[in-house]
Amino acid sequence: MVQFLKNFLKSEKSFFFMVPALAWQISFCLLPLLFVIQLSFCSELFQGITLGYFVQIVKISHILVILRSILLASITAVLCLFVGYPVAYYVALLAPIRMRSILIFLIVLPFLTNLLVQVYAWFFILEKQGIFNKVLYFLGFDFGNLLNSQFAMYLVMFHVYLPFMIMSLYPVVEKVDIRWIEASLDLGASYFQTFCRVILPLTIHGVKAGFFLVYVTSFGEYAIPSLIAGQRNYFVGNLISEYFFIGKDWHVGAAFTVFSSCIFIGSILMYQFLFKKIVERLQRV
């Protein structure tokens, strides 16, 4: 019996190490998700199944809110990718080894600061008498107060989510053997061809991971659109919070959450398809 237990524990060791994480995911992710889904379909706890709540939220105005949030997430992810990839490439392959730890520390430094502190810091930068406006005025431009604008919202979103992109790309780019790049250049390939046929295929998993990490998290962003963009434009996070905490209409709020999530999952599948096609096209360059 003792030998059986030893063999069982030895063979199932990985499972036992996974149990705490699995229990956490079930308790704080899966069960709340199931509760939200049943709220959207049931008038009472697992009773009175109805589609009436979905009828209330399937409106042009709600669809525009979802599309606006998808646009916000898409622009944020694309901006972070185009800026974050060169940064990750430089830190991983080109920067002196003794400087890499310092550069990585500077990249993750925003994680040590509360999100609200970062957002409120932008108030002093973007206000009418802020540093940003003073620099623009010195250059001959006068845009007035940049707060409560689309530009300010996208700028703060880019600032907050850029480290997520860089830290997703860095471990993948670091594994690229620099000798493969040198061999491609020595064989006559241009820098663009080397990037398309060598570097990008080797780092595409990091690109996808970073893109979807930023895309998924920024889709439901609540604090930045509320504080920076004001209340002129609603986004998914704002509307869900209004249904749950202001209107106290949990059923309609849950229905909107499920409905927006379904459209959002469809957009993720679309981007997966686009990534596949873009990589295939670049590899033929």
Protein backbone atom coordinates (compact mmCIF):
# COMPACT_ATOMS: atom_id res chain seq x y z
CA MET A 1 0.00 0.00 0.00
CA VAL A 2 2.81 2.37 0.89
CA GLN A 3 4.59 1.59 -2.36
CA PHE A 4 1.39 2.18 -4.30
CA LEU A 5 0.97 5.61 -2.70
CA LYS A 6 4.59 6.49 -3.48
CA ASN A 7 4.18 5.51 -7.11
CA PHE A 8 0.88 7.38 -7.36
CA LEU A 9 2.31 10.55 -5.85
CA LYS A 10 5.35 10.32 -8.09
CA SER A 11 3.32 9.89 -11.27
CA GLU A 12 0.70 12.48 -10.32
CA LYS A 13 3.09 15.08 -8.90
CA SER A 14 2.47 17.52 -11.73
CA PHE A 15 -1.29 17.24 -11.19
CA PHE A 16 -0.99 18.09 -7.49
CA PHE A 17 1.12 21.13 -8.29
CA MET A 18 -1.58 22.25 -10.72
CA VAL A 19 -4.48 21.85 -8.24
CA PRO A 20 -4.16 25.32 -6.55
CA ALA A 21 -4.11 27.15 -9.91
CA LEU A 22 -6.96 25.00 -11.20
CA ALA A 23 -9.05 25.68 -8.08
CA TRP A 24 -8.36 29.41 -8.41
CA GLN A 25 -9.45 29.45 -12.06
CA ILE A 26 -12.64 27.52 -11.32
CA SER A 27 -13.56 29.63 -8.28
CA PHE A 28 -12.81 33.11 -9.63
CA CYS A 29 -13.16 32.71 -13.40
CA LEU A 30 -15.34 29.80 -14.48
CA LEU A 31 -18.04 29.99 -11.78
CA PRO A 32 -18.55 33.79 -12.06
CA LEU A 33 -18.73 33.38 -15.84
CA LEU A 34 -21.40 30.69 -15.52
CA PHE A 35 -23.29 32.91 -13.08
CA VAL A 36 -23.26 35.81 -15.56
CA ILE A 37 -24.48 33.53 -18.37
CA GLN A 38 -27.38 32.22 -16.31
CA LEU A 39 -28.28 35.79 -15.31
CA SER A 40 -28.59 36.68 -18.98
CA PHE A 41 -30.96 33.78 -19.72
CA CYS A 42 -32.90 33.27 -16.46
CA SER A 43 -35.26 35.61 -14.66
CA GLU A 44 -34.55 33.69 -11.45
CA LEU A 45 -31.72 31.45 -10.33
CA PHE A 46 -31.62 28.75 -13.04
CA GLN A 47 -35.37 29.22 -13.59
CA GLY A 48 -37.55 31.08 -16.06
CA ILE A 49 -35.40 30.83 -19.17
CA THR A 50 -36.06 33.75 -21.52
CA LEU A 51 -34.46 35.66 -24.38
CA GLY A 52 -36.18 38.89 -23.39
CA TYR A 53 -33.04 40.41 -21.91
CA PHE A 54 -31.18 39.96 -25.19
CA VAL A 55 -34.05 41.61 -27.06
CA GLN A 56 -33.52 44.71 -24.92
CA ILE A 57 -29.83 45.04 -25.71
CA VAL A 58 -29.74 44.13 -29.42
CA LYS A 59 -29.86 47.74 -30.61
CA ILE A 60 -27.82 49.81 -33.02
CA SER A 61 -26.57 51.97 -30.14
CA HIS A 62 -25.24 48.94 -28.25
CA ILE A 63 -23.63 47.49 -31.36
CA LEU A 64 -21.90 50.83 -31.96
CA VAL A 65 -20.55 50.72 -28.39
CA ILE A 66 -19.11 47.25 -29.03
CA LEU A 67 -17.59 48.31 -32.36
CA ARG A 68 -16.11 51.42 -30.72
CA SER A 69 -14.49 49.21 -28.08
CA ILE A 70 -13.14 46.84 -30.76
CA LEU A 71 -11.69 49.85 -32.59
CA LEU A 72 -10.09 51.10 -29.37
CA ALA A 73 -8.58 47.67 -28.65
CA SER A 74 -7.39 47.25 -32.25
CA ILE A 75 -5.67 50.63 -32.50
CA THR A 76 -4.06 50.16 -29.08
CA ALA A 77 -2.77 46.69 -29.97
CA VAL A 78 -1.46 47.77 -33.39
CA LEU A 79 0.31 50.85 -31.99
CA CYS A 80 1.89 48.81 -29.20
CA LEU A 81 3.00 46.15 -31.68
CA PHE A 82 4.65 48.59 -34.11
CA VAL A 83 6.48 50.40 -31.31
CA GLY A 84 7.05 47.44 -28.98
CA TYR A 85 8.60 45.10 -31.56
CA PRO A 86 11.61 47.32 -32.39
CA VAL A 87 12.13 47.97 -28.67
CA ALA A 88 12.03 44.25 -27.83
CA TYR A 89 14.32 43.49 -30.78
CA TYR A 90 16.87 46.07 -29.66
CA VAL A 91 16.84 45.01 -26.01
CA ALA A 92 17.03 41.29 -26.82
CA LEU A 93 19.58 41.25 -29.66
CA LEU A 94 21.32 44.59 -30.11
CA ALA A 95 21.72 46.16 -26.66
CA PRO A 96 24.94 45.46 -24.72
CA ILE A 97 24.50 42.53 -22.35
CA ARG A 98 25.38 44.63 -19.30
CA MET A 99 22.60 47.10 -20.21
CA ARG A 100 19.79 44.61 -20.80
CA SER A 101 18.83 44.16 -17.16
CA ILE A 102 18.64 47.94 -16.73
CA LEU A 103 16.51 48.35 -19.85
CA ILE A 104 14.15 45.56 -18.77
CA PHE A 105 13.81 47.19 -15.36
CA LEU A 106 12.87 50.49 -17.01
CA ILE A 107 10.29 48.69 -19.17
CA VAL A 108 8.59 46.99 -16.20
CA LEU A 109 8.89 50.08 -13.99
CA PRO A 110 5.29 51.23 -14.81
CA PHE A 111 4.02 47.94 -13.31
CA LEU A 112 5.26 49.18 -9.93
CA THR A 113 2.90 52.16 -10.13
CA ASN A 114 -0.84 52.01 -9.64
CA LEU A 115 -2.87 52.40 -12.84
CA LEU A 116 -4.86 55.33 -11.46
CA VAL A 117 -1.64 57.14 -10.54
CA GLN A 118 -0.41 56.74 -14.12
CA VAL A 119 -3.72 58.00 -15.52
CA TYR A 120 -3.89 61.02 -13.20
CA ALA A 121 -0.27 61.89 -14.07
CA TRP A 122 -1.44 62.43 -17.63
CA PHE A 123 -3.90 65.04 -16.38
CA PHE A 124 -0.97 67.34 -15.52
CA ILE A 125 0.70 66.60 -18.88
CA LEU A 126 -2.31 67.06 -21.17
CA GLU A 127 -4.16 69.91 -19.45
CA LYS A 128 -4.16 73.34 -21.07
CA GLN A 129 -1.19 74.56 -19.02
CA GLY A 130 0.52 71.17 -19.09
CA ILE A 131 3.96 70.28 -20.43
CA PHE A 132 2.61 68.78 -23.66
CA ASN A 133 0.64 71.89 -24.58
CA LYS A 134 3.56 74.16 -23.73
CA VAL A 135 5.84 72.23 -26.07
CA LEU A 136 3.23 72.35 -28.86
CA TYR A 137 2.71 76.08 -28.28
CA PHE A 138 6.48 76.64 -28.50
CA LEU A 139 6.44 74.81 -31.86
CA GLY A 140 3.63 77.02 -33.12
CA PHE A 141 0.61 74.80 -32.42
CA ASP A 142 -2.29 75.56 -30.10
CA PHE A 143 -4.72 72.69 -29.53
CA GLY A 144 -6.15 73.98 -26.26
CA ASN A 145 -7.06 71.46 -23.59
CA LEU A 146 -6.26 67.96 -24.86
CA LEU A 147 -8.09 66.24 -22.02
CA ASN A 148 -11.46 64.60 -22.74
CA SER A 149 -10.41 63.86 -26.32
CA GLN A 150 -9.92 60.75 -28.43
CA PHE A 151 -6.24 61.61 -28.88
CA ALA A 152 -5.64 61.69 -25.12
CA MET A 153 -7.45 58.39 -24.61
CA TYR A 154 -5.42 56.56 -27.27
CA LEU A 155 -2.19 58.10 -25.99
CA VAL A 156 -2.80 56.94 -22.42
CA MET A 157 -3.96 53.50 -23.58
CA PHE A 158 -0.74 53.18 -25.61
CA HIS A 159 1.38 54.24 -22.64
CA VAL A 160 -0.28 51.83 -20.22
CA TYR A 161 -0.31 48.74 -22.46
CA LEU A 162 3.06 49.10 -24.24
CA PRO A 163 5.01 47.24 -21.49
CA PHE A 164 2.65 44.25 -21.86
CA MET A 165 3.55 44.03 -25.54
CA ILE A 166 7.30 44.41 -25.02
CA MET A 167 7.45 41.81 -22.25
CA SER A 168 5.49 39.35 -24.40
CA LEU A 169 7.88 39.81 -27.33
CA TYR A 170 11.18 39.94 -25.47
CA PRO A 171 11.48 36.23 -24.43
CA VAL A 172 10.67 35.09 -27.98
CA VAL A 173 12.98 37.54 -29.76
CA GLU A 174 15.79 36.71 -27.32
CA LYS A 175 15.78 33.08 -28.53
CA VAL A 176 16.48 34.07 -32.15
CA ASP A 177 19.99 33.00 -33.11
CA ILE A 178 21.76 36.04 -34.52
CA ARG A 179 23.77 33.73 -36.79
CA TRP A 180 20.62 32.91 -38.79
CA ILE A 181 20.12 36.61 -39.49
CA GLU A 182 23.75 37.02 -40.50
CA ALA A 183 23.55 33.95 -42.77
CA SER A 184 20.45 35.36 -44.50
CA LEU A 185 22.18 38.68 -45.13
CA ASP A 186 25.37 36.97 -46.33
CA LEU A 187 23.33 34.94 -48.84
CA GLY A 188 22.09 38.14 -50.45
CA ALA A 189 18.72 38.72 -48.78
CA SER A 190 17.74 42.28 -47.98
CA TYR A 191 16.94 43.38 -44.43
CA PHE A 192 13.24 43.36 -45.28
CA GLN A 193 13.42 39.85 -46.75
CA THR A 194 15.40 38.65 -43.73
CA PHE A 195 12.74 40.05 -41.43
CA CYS A 196 9.87 38.48 -43.40
CA ARG A 197 11.43 35.07 -43.99
CA VAL A 198 13.62 34.57 -40.91
CA ILE A 199 12.85 36.87 -37.98
CA LEU A 200 9.06 37.12 -38.25
CA PRO A 201 8.37 33.35 -38.59
CA LEU A 202 10.62 32.71 -35.56
CA THR A 203 8.89 35.34 -33.43
CA ILE A 204 5.31 35.11 -34.70
CA HIS A 205 4.13 33.31 -31.55
CA GLY A 206 5.36 36.21 -29.44
CA VAL A 207 3.74 38.70 -31.80
CA LYS A 208 0.40 36.94 -31.54
CA ALA A 209 0.69 36.55 -27.76
CA GLY A 210 1.51 40.23 -27.27
CA PHE A 211 -1.15 41.41 -29.71
CA PHE A 212 -3.94 39.37 -28.16
CA LEU A 213 -2.82 40.16 -24.60
CA VAL A 214 -3.16 43.88 -25.32
CA TYR A 215 -6.24 43.44 -27.51
CA VAL A 216 -8.22 41.38 -25.00
CA THR A 217 -7.37 43.45 -21.94
CA SER A 218 -7.93 46.83 -23.61
CA PHE A 219 -11.34 45.81 -25.03
CA GLY A 220 -12.96 45.93 -21.61
CA GLU A 221 -10.90 48.84 -20.28
CA TYR A 222 -12.98 50.98 -17.94
CA ALA A 223 -10.76 53.44 -16.06
CA ILE A 224 -8.92 55.12 -18.95
CA PRO A 225 -11.95 55.86 -21.20
CA SER A 226 -13.95 57.06 -18.18
CA LEU A 227 -11.28 59.39 -16.78
CA ILE A 228 -9.55 60.61 -19.95
CA ALA A 229 -12.22 60.51 -22.67
CA GLY A 230 -15.07 61.67 -20.44
CA GLN A 231 -18.68 60.57 -20.77
CA ARG A 232 -19.27 61.64 -24.37
CA ASN A 233 -18.55 58.19 -25.79
CA TYR A 234 -19.55 54.93 -24.15
CA PHE A 235 -17.40 51.82 -24.29
CA VAL A 236 -18.16 48.26 -23.25
CA GLY A 237 -16.61 48.61 -19.80
CA ASN A 238 -18.52 51.83 -19.10
CA LEU A 239 -21.86 50.43 -20.24
CA ILE A 240 -21.50 47.18 -18.26
CA SER A 241 -20.63 49.10 -15.09
CA GLU A 242 -23.62 51.39 -15.64
CA TYR A 243 -26.00 48.44 -15.98
CA PHE A 244 -24.65 46.64 -12.91
CA PHE A 245 -23.79 49.44 -10.47
CA ILE A 246 -25.96 52.42 -11.48
CA GLY A 247 -29.06 50.93 -13.07
CA LYS A 248 -28.90 47.77 -10.86
CA ASP A 249 -30.27 45.84 -13.84
CA TRP A 250 -28.09 42.75 -13.54
CA HIS A 251 -30.01 40.64 -16.06
CA VAL A 252 -29.74 43.18 -18.90
CA GLY A 253 -26.14 43.88 -17.92
CA ALA A 254 -25.33 40.17 -18.04
CA ALA A 255 -27.06 39.84 -21.42
CA PHE A 256 -25.01 42.72 -22.80
CA THR A 257 -21.83 41.15 -21.39
CA VAL A 258 -22.58 37.83 -23.11
CA PHE A 259 -23.62 39.52 -26.36
CA SER A 260 -20.51 41.73 -26.51
CA SER A 261 -18.28 38.78 -25.61
CA CYS A 262 -19.65 36.73 -28.51
CA ILE A 263 -18.92 39.55 -30.98
CA PHE A 264 -15.50 40.02 -29.42
CA ILE A 265 -14.64 36.32 -29.78
CA GLY A 266 -15.63 36.60 -33.44
CA SER A 267 -13.18 39.49 -33.86
CA ILE A 268 -10.42 37.40 -32.25
CA LEU A 269 -11.03 34.60 -34.76
CA MET A 270 -10.88 37.18 -37.55
CA TYR A 271 -7.52 38.45 -36.34
CA GLN A 272 -6.24 34.88 -36.07
CA PHE A 273 -7.12 34.39 -39.73
CA LEU A 274 -5.50 37.71 -40.69
CA PHE A 275 -2.28 36.82 -38.87
CA LYS A 276 -2.08 33.57 -40.78
CA LYS A 277 -2.62 35.27 -44.13
CA ILE A 278 -0.15 38.10 -43.41
CA VAL A 279 2.61 35.67 -42.46
CA GLU A 280 1.98 33.59 -45.60
CA ARG A 281 2.10 36.73 -47.74
CA LEU A 282 5.30 38.06 -46.18
CA GLN A 283 7.08 34.73 -46.54
CA ARG A 284 6.54 34.96 -50.31
CA VAL A 285 8.27 38.34 -50.49
